[in-house]
N, C-alpha and C. Protein backbone atom coordinates (compact mmCIF):
# COMPACT_ATOMS: atom_id res chain seq x y z
N MET A 1 -9.83 142.08 18.74
CA MET A 1 -9.52 140.78 19.32
C MET A 1 -8.46 140.13 18.51
N ARG A 2 -7.47 139.56 19.17
CA ARG A 2 -6.38 138.84 18.51
C ARG A 2 -6.79 137.38 18.34
N ARG A 3 -6.68 136.91 17.10
CA ARG A 3 -7.05 135.49 16.84
C ARG A 3 -6.10 134.90 15.82
N LEU A 4 -5.67 133.69 16.15
CA LEU A 4 -4.97 132.85 15.18
C LEU A 4 -6.04 132.16 14.36
N ASP A 5 -5.67 131.81 13.16
CA ASP A 5 -6.63 131.20 12.24
C ASP A 5 -6.41 129.70 12.15
N LEU A 6 -7.41 128.93 12.38
CA LEU A 6 -7.32 127.48 12.31
C LEU A 6 -7.46 126.98 10.88
N ASN A 7 -7.84 127.85 9.95
CA ASN A 7 -7.97 127.53 8.54
C ASN A 7 -7.14 128.49 7.72
N PRO A 8 -5.82 128.36 7.74
CA PRO A 8 -4.93 129.37 7.09
C PRO A 8 -5.12 129.48 5.58
N ASP A 9 -5.59 128.47 4.94
CA ASP A 9 -5.75 128.55 3.48
C ASP A 9 -7.06 129.22 3.08
N LYS A 10 -7.96 129.37 3.99
CA LYS A 10 -9.24 130.01 3.68
C LYS A 10 -9.06 131.53 3.68
N LYS A 11 -9.60 132.16 2.68
CA LYS A 11 -9.45 133.61 2.52
C LYS A 11 -10.22 134.38 3.60
N LEU A 12 -9.65 135.43 4.08
CA LEU A 12 -10.30 136.26 5.11
C LEU A 12 -11.47 137.03 4.44
N ARG A 13 -12.62 136.90 5.02
CA ARG A 13 -13.79 137.59 4.47
C ARG A 13 -13.85 139.03 5.01
N ASN A 14 -14.13 139.95 4.11
CA ASN A 14 -14.38 141.36 4.39
C ASN A 14 -13.22 141.99 5.23
N PRO A 15 -12.06 142.09 4.65
CA PRO A 15 -10.93 142.78 5.37
C PRO A 15 -11.26 144.23 5.75
N GLY A 16 -12.12 144.90 4.97
CA GLY A 16 -12.50 146.29 5.29
C GLY A 16 -13.18 146.36 6.68
N ARG A 17 -14.01 145.42 7.00
CA ARG A 17 -14.68 145.39 8.29
C ARG A 17 -13.66 145.20 9.40
N HIS A 18 -12.68 144.36 9.19
CA HIS A 18 -11.63 144.14 10.23
C HIS A 18 -10.79 145.43 10.41
N LEU A 19 -10.53 146.13 9.31
CA LEU A 19 -9.79 147.37 9.40
C LEU A 19 -10.58 148.46 10.13
N ARG A 20 -11.89 148.47 9.89
CA ARG A 20 -12.75 149.48 10.61
C ARG A 20 -12.74 149.17 12.10
N GLN A 21 -12.78 147.91 12.51
CA GLN A 21 -12.69 147.53 13.93
C GLN A 21 -11.35 147.95 14.49
N LEU A 22 -10.26 147.67 13.75
CA LEU A 22 -8.94 148.01 14.20
C LEU A 22 -8.81 149.57 14.36
N ALA A 23 -9.43 150.36 13.53
CA ALA A 23 -9.37 151.79 13.61
C ALA A 23 -9.88 152.33 14.94
N GLN A 24 -10.70 151.54 15.67
CA GLN A 24 -11.23 151.97 16.95
C GLN A 24 -10.25 151.74 18.10
N TRP A 25 -9.21 150.98 17.84
CA TRP A 25 -8.23 150.63 18.87
C TRP A 25 -7.67 151.86 19.56
N PRO A 26 -7.17 152.89 18.85
CA PRO A 26 -6.62 154.05 19.53
C PRO A 26 -7.60 154.77 20.47
N GLU A 27 -8.87 154.62 20.20
CA GLU A 27 -9.90 155.27 21.04
C GLU A 27 -10.03 154.61 22.41
N TRP A 28 -9.80 153.35 22.53
CA TRP A 28 -9.99 152.65 23.79
C TRP A 28 -8.70 152.20 24.46
N ILE A 29 -7.59 152.29 23.75
CA ILE A 29 -6.33 151.75 24.34
C ILE A 29 -5.90 152.47 25.60
N ALA A 30 -6.10 153.80 25.66
CA ALA A 30 -5.67 154.56 26.86
C ALA A 30 -6.46 154.11 28.09
N ASP A 31 -7.68 153.71 27.89
CA ASP A 31 -8.50 153.21 29.03
C ASP A 31 -8.01 151.86 29.56
N GLN A 32 -7.19 151.20 28.77
CA GLN A 32 -6.71 149.86 29.17
C GLN A 32 -5.37 149.89 29.90
N ILE A 33 -4.82 151.11 30.10
CA ILE A 33 -3.57 151.21 30.82
C ILE A 33 -3.83 150.86 32.29
N PRO A 34 -3.09 149.92 32.83
CA PRO A 34 -3.34 149.48 34.21
C PRO A 34 -2.96 150.58 35.23
N ASP A 35 -3.50 150.44 36.42
CA ASP A 35 -3.15 151.35 37.54
C ASP A 35 -1.72 151.11 37.97
N ALA A 36 -1.20 152.06 38.69
CA ALA A 36 0.22 152.00 39.12
C ALA A 36 0.51 150.77 39.97
N ASP A 37 -0.43 150.32 40.80
CA ASP A 37 -0.17 149.14 41.65
C ASP A 37 0.02 147.89 40.80
N ILE A 38 -0.66 147.77 39.69
CA ILE A 38 -0.50 146.60 38.81
C ILE A 38 0.88 146.67 38.08
N LEU A 39 1.30 147.88 37.77
CA LEU A 39 2.53 148.07 37.05
C LEU A 39 3.81 148.05 37.93
N ALA A 40 3.59 148.12 39.24
CA ALA A 40 4.70 148.07 40.17
C ALA A 40 5.59 146.85 39.93
N ASP A 41 6.88 147.02 39.93
CA ASP A 41 7.87 145.96 39.76
C ASP A 41 7.86 145.33 38.36
N ARG A 42 7.25 145.94 37.42
CA ARG A 42 7.28 145.44 36.02
C ARG A 42 8.24 146.26 35.20
N ARG A 43 8.77 145.66 34.15
CA ARG A 43 9.67 146.32 33.24
C ARG A 43 8.94 146.93 32.05
N TYR A 44 7.76 146.37 31.75
CA TYR A 44 6.99 146.85 30.57
C TYR A 44 5.55 146.38 30.70
N TRP A 45 4.72 147.01 29.84
CA TRP A 45 3.34 146.56 29.66
C TRP A 45 3.08 146.74 28.16
N ASN A 46 2.51 145.73 27.51
CA ASN A 46 2.34 145.87 26.09
C ASN A 46 0.89 145.61 25.66
N PHE A 47 0.57 146.15 24.48
CA PHE A 47 -0.71 146.01 23.83
C PHE A 47 -0.47 145.46 22.43
N LYS A 48 -0.72 144.18 22.21
CA LYS A 48 -0.58 143.61 20.89
C LYS A 48 -1.65 144.11 19.95
N ILE A 49 -1.34 144.20 18.67
CA ILE A 49 -2.30 144.70 17.71
C ILE A 49 -3.48 143.72 17.66
N PRO A 50 -4.69 144.20 17.88
CA PRO A 50 -5.85 143.32 18.06
C PRO A 50 -6.50 142.98 16.67
N VAL A 51 -5.93 142.01 16.02
CA VAL A 51 -6.42 141.64 14.71
C VAL A 51 -6.37 140.10 14.53
N PHE A 52 -7.03 139.61 13.51
CA PHE A 52 -6.88 138.27 12.97
C PHE A 52 -5.48 138.21 12.34
N ASN A 53 -4.71 137.15 12.64
CA ASN A 53 -3.41 137.09 12.02
C ASN A 53 -3.50 137.08 10.50
N LYS A 54 -4.57 136.56 9.97
CA LYS A 54 -4.75 136.52 8.50
C LYS A 54 -4.84 137.90 7.90
N LEU A 55 -5.28 138.91 8.65
CA LEU A 55 -5.41 140.28 8.10
C LEU A 55 -4.03 140.84 7.82
N VAL A 56 -3.05 140.56 8.68
CA VAL A 56 -1.75 141.23 8.60
C VAL A 56 -0.56 140.34 8.19
N ASP A 57 -0.80 139.04 8.06
CA ASP A 57 0.29 138.10 7.75
C ASP A 57 0.15 137.59 6.31
N SER A 58 1.28 137.17 5.79
CA SER A 58 1.33 136.56 4.46
C SER A 58 0.55 135.25 4.45
N PRO A 59 0.03 134.85 3.37
CA PRO A 59 0.01 135.44 2.04
C PRO A 59 -1.24 136.28 1.79
N GLN A 60 -2.12 136.43 2.77
CA GLN A 60 -3.42 137.07 2.55
C GLN A 60 -3.38 138.56 2.51
N THR A 61 -2.40 139.18 3.19
CA THR A 61 -2.42 140.64 3.35
C THR A 61 -1.80 141.31 2.11
N THR A 62 -1.97 142.65 2.13
CA THR A 62 -1.38 143.48 1.05
C THR A 62 -0.59 144.59 1.74
N ASN A 63 0.24 145.27 0.96
CA ASN A 63 0.96 146.42 1.48
C ASN A 63 0.02 147.55 1.93
N ALA A 64 -1.08 147.71 1.25
CA ALA A 64 -2.05 148.75 1.66
C ALA A 64 -2.64 148.43 3.04
N ILE A 65 -2.94 147.17 3.29
CA ILE A 65 -3.47 146.75 4.57
C ILE A 65 -2.38 146.90 5.64
N ARG A 66 -1.19 146.48 5.35
CA ARG A 66 -0.09 146.64 6.33
C ARG A 66 0.15 148.13 6.68
N LYS A 67 0.06 148.98 5.66
CA LYS A 67 0.29 150.42 5.90
C LYS A 67 -0.82 150.97 6.80
N THR A 68 -2.07 150.57 6.55
CA THR A 68 -3.18 151.00 7.42
C THR A 68 -3.01 150.48 8.82
N CYS A 69 -2.59 149.26 8.98
CA CYS A 69 -2.39 148.68 10.34
C CYS A 69 -1.23 149.40 11.06
N LEU A 70 -0.16 149.68 10.33
CA LEU A 70 0.95 150.39 10.97
C LEU A 70 0.53 151.82 11.40
N ALA A 71 -0.25 152.47 10.56
CA ALA A 71 -0.78 153.80 10.95
C ALA A 71 -1.65 153.72 12.20
N THR A 72 -2.36 152.62 12.34
CA THR A 72 -3.18 152.42 13.56
C THR A 72 -2.31 152.17 14.78
N VAL A 73 -1.23 151.43 14.59
CA VAL A 73 -0.29 151.25 15.72
C VAL A 73 0.29 152.58 16.16
N PHE A 74 0.64 153.41 15.20
CA PHE A 74 1.16 154.78 15.55
C PHE A 74 0.09 155.57 16.28
N ALA A 75 -1.16 155.51 15.80
CA ALA A 75 -2.22 156.27 16.48
C ALA A 75 -2.48 155.74 17.89
N ALA A 76 -2.39 154.42 18.09
CA ALA A 76 -2.58 153.86 19.42
C ALA A 76 -1.41 154.32 20.36
N ALA A 77 -0.21 154.35 19.85
CA ALA A 77 0.93 154.80 20.65
C ALA A 77 0.77 156.25 21.04
N GLU A 78 0.27 157.05 20.08
CA GLU A 78 0.03 158.46 20.36
C GLU A 78 -1.04 158.66 21.45
N ALA A 79 -2.06 157.80 21.40
CA ALA A 79 -3.13 157.87 22.43
C ALA A 79 -2.57 157.51 23.81
N VAL A 80 -1.71 156.54 23.89
CA VAL A 80 -1.09 156.19 25.16
C VAL A 80 -0.14 157.27 25.64
N GLU A 81 0.63 157.84 24.73
CA GLU A 81 1.58 158.91 25.03
C GLU A 81 0.83 160.13 25.60
N GLN A 82 -0.34 160.46 25.09
CA GLN A 82 -1.08 161.67 25.53
C GLN A 82 -2.04 161.36 26.64
N SER A 83 -2.15 160.14 27.07
CA SER A 83 -3.15 159.79 28.10
C SER A 83 -2.73 160.28 29.51
N SER A 84 -3.71 160.71 30.28
CA SER A 84 -3.42 161.07 31.66
C SER A 84 -3.10 159.84 32.52
N ARG A 85 -3.40 158.65 32.00
CA ARG A 85 -3.12 157.38 32.71
C ARG A 85 -1.72 156.87 32.44
N ARG A 86 -1.01 157.55 31.56
CA ARG A 86 0.37 157.13 31.24
C ARG A 86 1.21 157.17 32.49
N PRO A 87 1.95 156.08 32.80
CA PRO A 87 2.77 156.08 34.02
C PRO A 87 3.91 157.15 33.88
N PRO A 88 4.20 157.80 35.01
CA PRO A 88 5.33 158.76 34.97
C PRO A 88 6.66 158.04 34.75
N HIS A 89 7.61 158.71 34.11
CA HIS A 89 8.95 158.18 33.88
C HIS A 89 8.91 156.90 33.05
N SER A 90 7.99 156.84 32.10
CA SER A 90 7.92 155.70 31.21
C SER A 90 8.17 156.14 29.79
N ARG A 91 8.46 155.16 28.94
CA ARG A 91 8.70 155.41 27.51
C ARG A 91 7.66 154.62 26.72
N ILE A 92 7.03 155.26 25.77
CA ILE A 92 6.07 154.61 24.89
C ILE A 92 6.76 154.31 23.56
N ALA A 93 6.62 153.10 23.10
CA ALA A 93 7.29 152.68 21.88
C ALA A 93 6.37 151.79 21.04
N CYS A 94 6.65 151.79 19.73
CA CYS A 94 6.01 150.83 18.79
C CYS A 94 7.10 149.80 18.39
N LEU A 95 6.80 148.55 18.62
CA LEU A 95 7.67 147.47 18.19
C LEU A 95 6.95 146.75 17.07
N VAL A 96 7.43 146.92 15.88
CA VAL A 96 6.72 146.42 14.69
C VAL A 96 7.55 145.29 14.06
N SER A 97 6.94 144.17 13.86
CA SER A 97 7.59 143.05 13.23
C SER A 97 7.15 142.92 11.77
N THR A 98 8.13 142.73 10.89
CA THR A 98 7.79 142.50 9.48
C THR A 98 8.51 141.23 9.02
N PRO A 99 8.05 140.51 8.03
CA PRO A 99 7.00 140.94 7.10
C PRO A 99 5.61 140.73 7.66
N ASP A 100 5.45 139.92 8.67
CA ASP A 100 4.17 139.69 9.24
C ASP A 100 4.01 140.55 10.50
N LEU A 101 2.89 141.27 10.55
CA LEU A 101 2.70 142.28 11.64
C LEU A 101 1.98 141.74 12.89
N PHE A 102 1.61 140.47 12.90
CA PHE A 102 0.78 139.95 14.00
C PHE A 102 1.43 140.13 15.38
N SER A 103 2.72 140.09 15.50
CA SER A 103 3.37 140.21 16.80
C SER A 103 3.73 141.66 17.12
N SER A 104 3.29 142.62 16.31
CA SER A 104 3.51 144.03 16.54
C SER A 104 2.74 144.53 17.77
N GLU A 105 3.31 145.57 18.39
CA GLU A 105 2.67 146.05 19.62
C GLU A 105 3.01 147.49 19.95
N VAL A 106 2.27 148.05 20.84
CA VAL A 106 2.54 149.32 21.52
C VAL A 106 3.00 148.95 22.92
N THR A 107 4.16 149.46 23.33
CA THR A 107 4.72 149.03 24.61
C THR A 107 4.96 150.24 25.49
N ILE A 108 4.57 150.08 26.75
CA ILE A 108 4.97 151.06 27.78
C ILE A 108 6.19 150.48 28.49
N PHE A 109 7.34 151.09 28.29
CA PHE A 109 8.54 150.64 28.98
C PHE A 109 8.69 151.38 30.31
N LEU A 110 8.73 150.61 31.37
CA LEU A 110 8.88 151.17 32.69
C LEU A 110 10.33 151.13 33.18
N SER A 111 11.14 150.45 32.42
CA SER A 111 12.58 150.36 32.68
C SER A 111 13.35 150.79 31.45
N GLU A 112 14.16 151.81 31.60
CA GLU A 112 14.95 152.26 30.45
C GLU A 112 15.99 151.22 30.04
N ASP A 113 16.57 150.50 31.05
CA ASP A 113 17.52 149.47 30.74
C ASP A 113 16.84 148.39 29.87
N TYR A 114 15.64 147.98 30.21
CA TYR A 114 14.95 146.95 29.42
C TYR A 114 14.67 147.50 28.01
N PHE A 115 14.25 148.73 27.88
CA PHE A 115 14.02 149.32 26.57
C PHE A 115 15.26 149.25 25.71
N ASN A 116 16.42 149.53 26.30
CA ASN A 116 17.68 149.55 25.57
C ASN A 116 17.91 148.22 24.80
N GLY A 117 17.40 147.15 25.30
CA GLY A 117 17.53 145.83 24.65
C GLY A 117 16.73 145.78 23.35
N PHE A 118 15.85 146.72 23.08
CA PHE A 118 15.04 146.76 21.86
C PHE A 118 15.62 147.78 20.85
N ARG A 119 16.69 148.43 21.19
CA ARG A 119 17.31 149.36 20.24
C ARG A 119 17.93 148.55 19.09
N PRO A 120 17.86 149.04 17.89
CA PRO A 120 18.45 148.28 16.78
C PRO A 120 19.96 148.05 16.94
N VAL A 121 20.39 146.93 16.46
CA VAL A 121 21.83 146.57 16.54
C VAL A 121 22.60 147.39 15.46
N SER A 122 23.89 147.59 15.71
CA SER A 122 24.70 148.36 14.77
C SER A 122 25.64 147.48 13.94
N GLU A 123 25.75 146.19 14.31
CA GLU A 123 26.59 145.29 13.57
C GLU A 123 26.01 143.86 13.65
N THR A 124 26.44 143.01 12.75
CA THR A 124 25.98 141.65 12.69
C THR A 124 26.60 140.83 13.84
N GLN A 125 25.73 140.04 14.50
CA GLN A 125 26.18 139.21 15.61
C GLN A 125 25.45 137.89 15.50
N ARG A 126 26.09 136.82 15.95
CA ARG A 126 25.45 135.52 16.01
C ARG A 126 25.56 135.00 17.44
N PHE A 127 24.41 134.52 17.93
CA PHE A 127 24.32 133.96 19.26
C PHE A 127 23.95 132.47 19.12
N THR A 128 24.72 131.61 19.71
CA THR A 128 24.43 130.18 19.60
C THR A 128 23.89 129.66 20.92
N TYR A 129 23.07 128.69 20.82
CA TYR A 129 22.52 127.97 22.01
C TYR A 129 22.50 126.50 21.69
N SER A 130 22.29 125.69 22.66
CA SER A 130 22.27 124.25 22.44
C SER A 130 21.14 123.88 21.45
N GLY A 131 21.56 123.52 20.24
CA GLY A 131 20.60 123.14 19.21
C GLY A 131 20.23 124.22 18.21
N GLY A 132 20.90 125.33 18.22
CA GLY A 132 20.55 126.35 17.22
C GLY A 132 21.31 127.63 17.36
N TRP A 133 20.88 128.63 16.62
CA TRP A 133 21.52 129.94 16.65
C TRP A 133 20.54 131.03 16.22
N VAL A 134 20.86 132.25 16.58
CA VAL A 134 20.10 133.46 16.15
C VAL A 134 21.15 134.45 15.66
N GLU A 135 20.94 134.97 14.47
CA GLU A 135 21.86 136.00 13.92
C GLU A 135 21.06 137.29 13.81
N THR A 136 21.66 138.38 14.30
CA THR A 136 21.04 139.69 14.17
C THR A 136 21.93 140.60 13.37
N SER A 137 21.28 141.48 12.60
CA SER A 137 22.04 142.43 11.79
C SER A 137 21.19 143.69 11.60
N PRO A 138 21.82 144.83 11.30
CA PRO A 138 21.06 146.07 11.06
C PRO A 138 20.12 145.85 9.86
N ALA A 139 18.88 146.36 9.97
CA ALA A 139 17.93 146.25 8.90
C ALA A 139 17.98 147.46 7.99
N GLU A 140 17.65 147.28 6.75
CA GLU A 140 17.65 148.37 5.75
C GLU A 140 16.32 149.13 5.79
N PRO A 141 16.29 150.38 6.30
CA PRO A 141 15.01 151.11 6.44
C PRO A 141 14.21 151.25 5.10
N SER A 142 14.92 151.22 3.98
CA SER A 142 14.22 151.38 2.72
C SER A 142 13.23 150.23 2.46
N SER A 143 13.43 149.11 3.11
CA SER A 143 12.52 147.97 2.92
C SER A 143 11.14 148.24 3.50
N LEU A 144 11.07 149.25 4.39
CA LEU A 144 9.77 149.60 4.96
C LEU A 144 8.95 150.58 4.10
N LYS A 145 9.58 151.12 3.11
CA LYS A 145 8.92 152.18 2.31
C LYS A 145 7.50 151.84 1.84
N PRO A 146 7.26 150.64 1.32
CA PRO A 146 5.87 150.33 0.83
C PRO A 146 4.80 150.31 1.88
N ILE A 147 5.18 150.16 3.16
CA ILE A 147 4.14 150.09 4.20
C ILE A 147 4.27 151.14 5.27
N ARG A 148 5.20 152.09 5.14
CA ARG A 148 5.44 153.06 6.19
C ARG A 148 4.65 154.32 6.03
N PRO A 149 3.67 154.53 6.93
CA PRO A 149 2.94 155.79 6.88
C PRO A 149 3.67 156.87 7.67
N PRO A 150 3.26 158.13 7.53
CA PRO A 150 3.89 159.17 8.35
C PRO A 150 3.65 158.89 9.86
N ALA A 151 4.67 159.12 10.61
CA ALA A 151 4.57 158.91 12.07
C ALA A 151 4.13 160.24 12.75
N PRO A 152 3.46 160.13 13.92
CA PRO A 152 3.08 161.34 14.66
C PRO A 152 4.33 162.13 15.05
N ALA A 153 4.13 163.40 15.32
CA ALA A 153 5.23 164.26 15.83
C ALA A 153 5.84 163.67 17.08
N ASP A 154 7.11 163.76 17.20
CA ASP A 154 7.87 163.25 18.38
C ASP A 154 7.98 161.76 18.44
N LEU A 155 7.40 160.98 17.56
CA LEU A 155 7.57 159.53 17.51
C LEU A 155 8.80 159.26 16.61
N ASP A 156 9.90 159.02 17.25
CA ASP A 156 11.17 158.89 16.51
C ASP A 156 11.40 157.46 16.03
N PHE A 157 11.84 157.31 14.80
CA PHE A 157 12.20 156.06 14.20
C PHE A 157 13.66 155.78 14.54
N LEU A 158 13.89 154.67 15.24
CA LEU A 158 15.23 154.27 15.63
C LEU A 158 15.90 153.32 14.62
N GLY A 159 15.08 152.60 13.88
CA GLY A 159 15.63 151.64 12.91
C GLY A 159 15.12 150.25 13.22
N GLY A 160 15.83 149.27 12.65
CA GLY A 160 15.39 147.88 12.81
C GLY A 160 16.53 146.92 12.96
N THR A 161 16.19 145.71 13.48
CA THR A 161 17.10 144.61 13.63
C THR A 161 16.54 143.46 12.83
N HIS A 162 17.30 142.90 11.95
CA HIS A 162 16.93 141.76 11.16
C HIS A 162 17.35 140.51 11.91
N PHE A 163 16.43 139.54 12.06
CA PHE A 163 16.75 138.29 12.80
C PHE A 163 16.67 137.12 11.82
N VAL A 164 17.62 136.18 11.91
CA VAL A 164 17.55 134.91 11.25
C VAL A 164 17.72 133.89 12.36
N GLU A 165 16.76 132.94 12.45
CA GLU A 165 16.81 131.99 13.56
C GLU A 165 16.81 130.56 13.00
N PHE A 166 17.66 129.74 13.60
CA PHE A 166 17.74 128.33 13.17
C PHE A 166 17.69 127.44 14.42
N ASP A 167 16.91 126.35 14.32
CA ASP A 167 16.80 125.41 15.41
C ASP A 167 16.99 123.98 14.82
N GLU A 168 17.88 123.20 15.38
CA GLU A 168 18.13 121.87 14.83
C GLU A 168 16.92 120.97 14.90
N ASP A 169 16.01 121.25 15.82
CA ASP A 169 14.75 120.44 15.89
C ASP A 169 13.83 120.69 14.68
N TRP A 170 14.06 121.83 14.00
CA TRP A 170 13.25 122.22 12.86
C TRP A 170 14.18 122.62 11.71
N PRO A 171 14.99 121.70 11.19
CA PRO A 171 16.02 122.05 10.21
C PRO A 171 15.51 122.64 8.90
N ASP A 172 14.26 122.33 8.54
CA ASP A 172 13.71 122.86 7.28
C ASP A 172 13.05 124.22 7.46
N LEU A 173 13.05 124.72 8.69
CA LEU A 173 12.39 125.99 8.99
C LEU A 173 13.37 126.98 9.52
N GLN A 174 13.79 127.89 8.68
CA GLN A 174 14.68 129.01 9.13
C GLN A 174 13.80 130.25 9.16
N VAL A 175 13.66 130.82 10.33
CA VAL A 175 12.74 131.97 10.53
C VAL A 175 13.54 133.28 10.31
N THR A 176 12.93 134.12 9.50
CA THR A 176 13.51 135.46 9.30
C THR A 176 12.44 136.51 9.56
N ARG A 177 12.84 137.53 10.27
CA ARG A 177 11.92 138.64 10.59
C ARG A 177 12.75 139.86 10.89
N THR A 178 12.06 141.03 10.89
CA THR A 178 12.71 142.25 11.26
C THR A 178 11.88 142.93 12.30
N LEU A 179 12.56 143.42 13.34
CA LEU A 179 11.86 144.17 14.40
C LEU A 179 12.28 145.65 14.25
N TRP A 180 11.25 146.50 14.03
CA TRP A 180 11.44 147.95 13.85
C TRP A 180 11.03 148.63 15.13
N THR A 181 11.73 149.69 15.50
CA THR A 181 11.44 150.40 16.74
C THR A 181 11.23 151.88 16.51
N TRP A 182 10.06 152.37 16.97
CA TRP A 182 9.77 153.81 17.05
C TRP A 182 9.54 154.11 18.52
N THR A 183 9.91 155.29 18.95
CA THR A 183 9.72 155.63 20.38
C THR A 183 9.47 157.11 20.61
N TYR A 184 8.70 157.37 21.62
CA TYR A 184 8.58 158.74 22.13
C TYR A 184 9.69 158.94 23.16
N PRO A 185 10.07 160.18 23.46
CA PRO A 185 11.12 160.39 24.49
C PRO A 185 10.60 159.91 25.85
N CYS A 186 11.50 159.48 26.68
CA CYS A 186 11.14 159.03 28.04
C CYS A 186 10.87 160.28 28.88
N HIS A 187 9.72 160.31 29.52
CA HIS A 187 9.41 161.41 30.48
C HIS A 187 8.34 160.96 31.47
């Protein structure tokens, strides 16, 4: 179950229990794939990592916990990839956000064009909008080393995009994150 914490300063009790619950996710994720009629006319279907945000986000988490959670995301993607319920002509991917993993997910891409928007960027770009901007740049894969477990066979690592976001309505809050992409071949 995904839950935001209303008491962010309070320490998470028994993270081992939460990790054991998360370890069951790959066992039931394939059963959650919707039927073709529900997926009709959609570009994607995603499964967010089912955890307390406190388990995977700063300052409470550790690299060991992040590594375990990322291994579970890979296992869940592998379960979807191998499922008989997997939609034909779809691509299964892991979209992992760091440093905080709460927005990470396993995604079924039903549109290859839509998936291409999640490929890592090759150069720095800045996009402005009324009241702010977003800057994207290629991410350094070595920064993943402390939390990166081995990936399943055929799950290819494409790289990452580093985001820096600024909004004039929140001038003291500049958001930085990196989105990493792993994918199975489209078939």
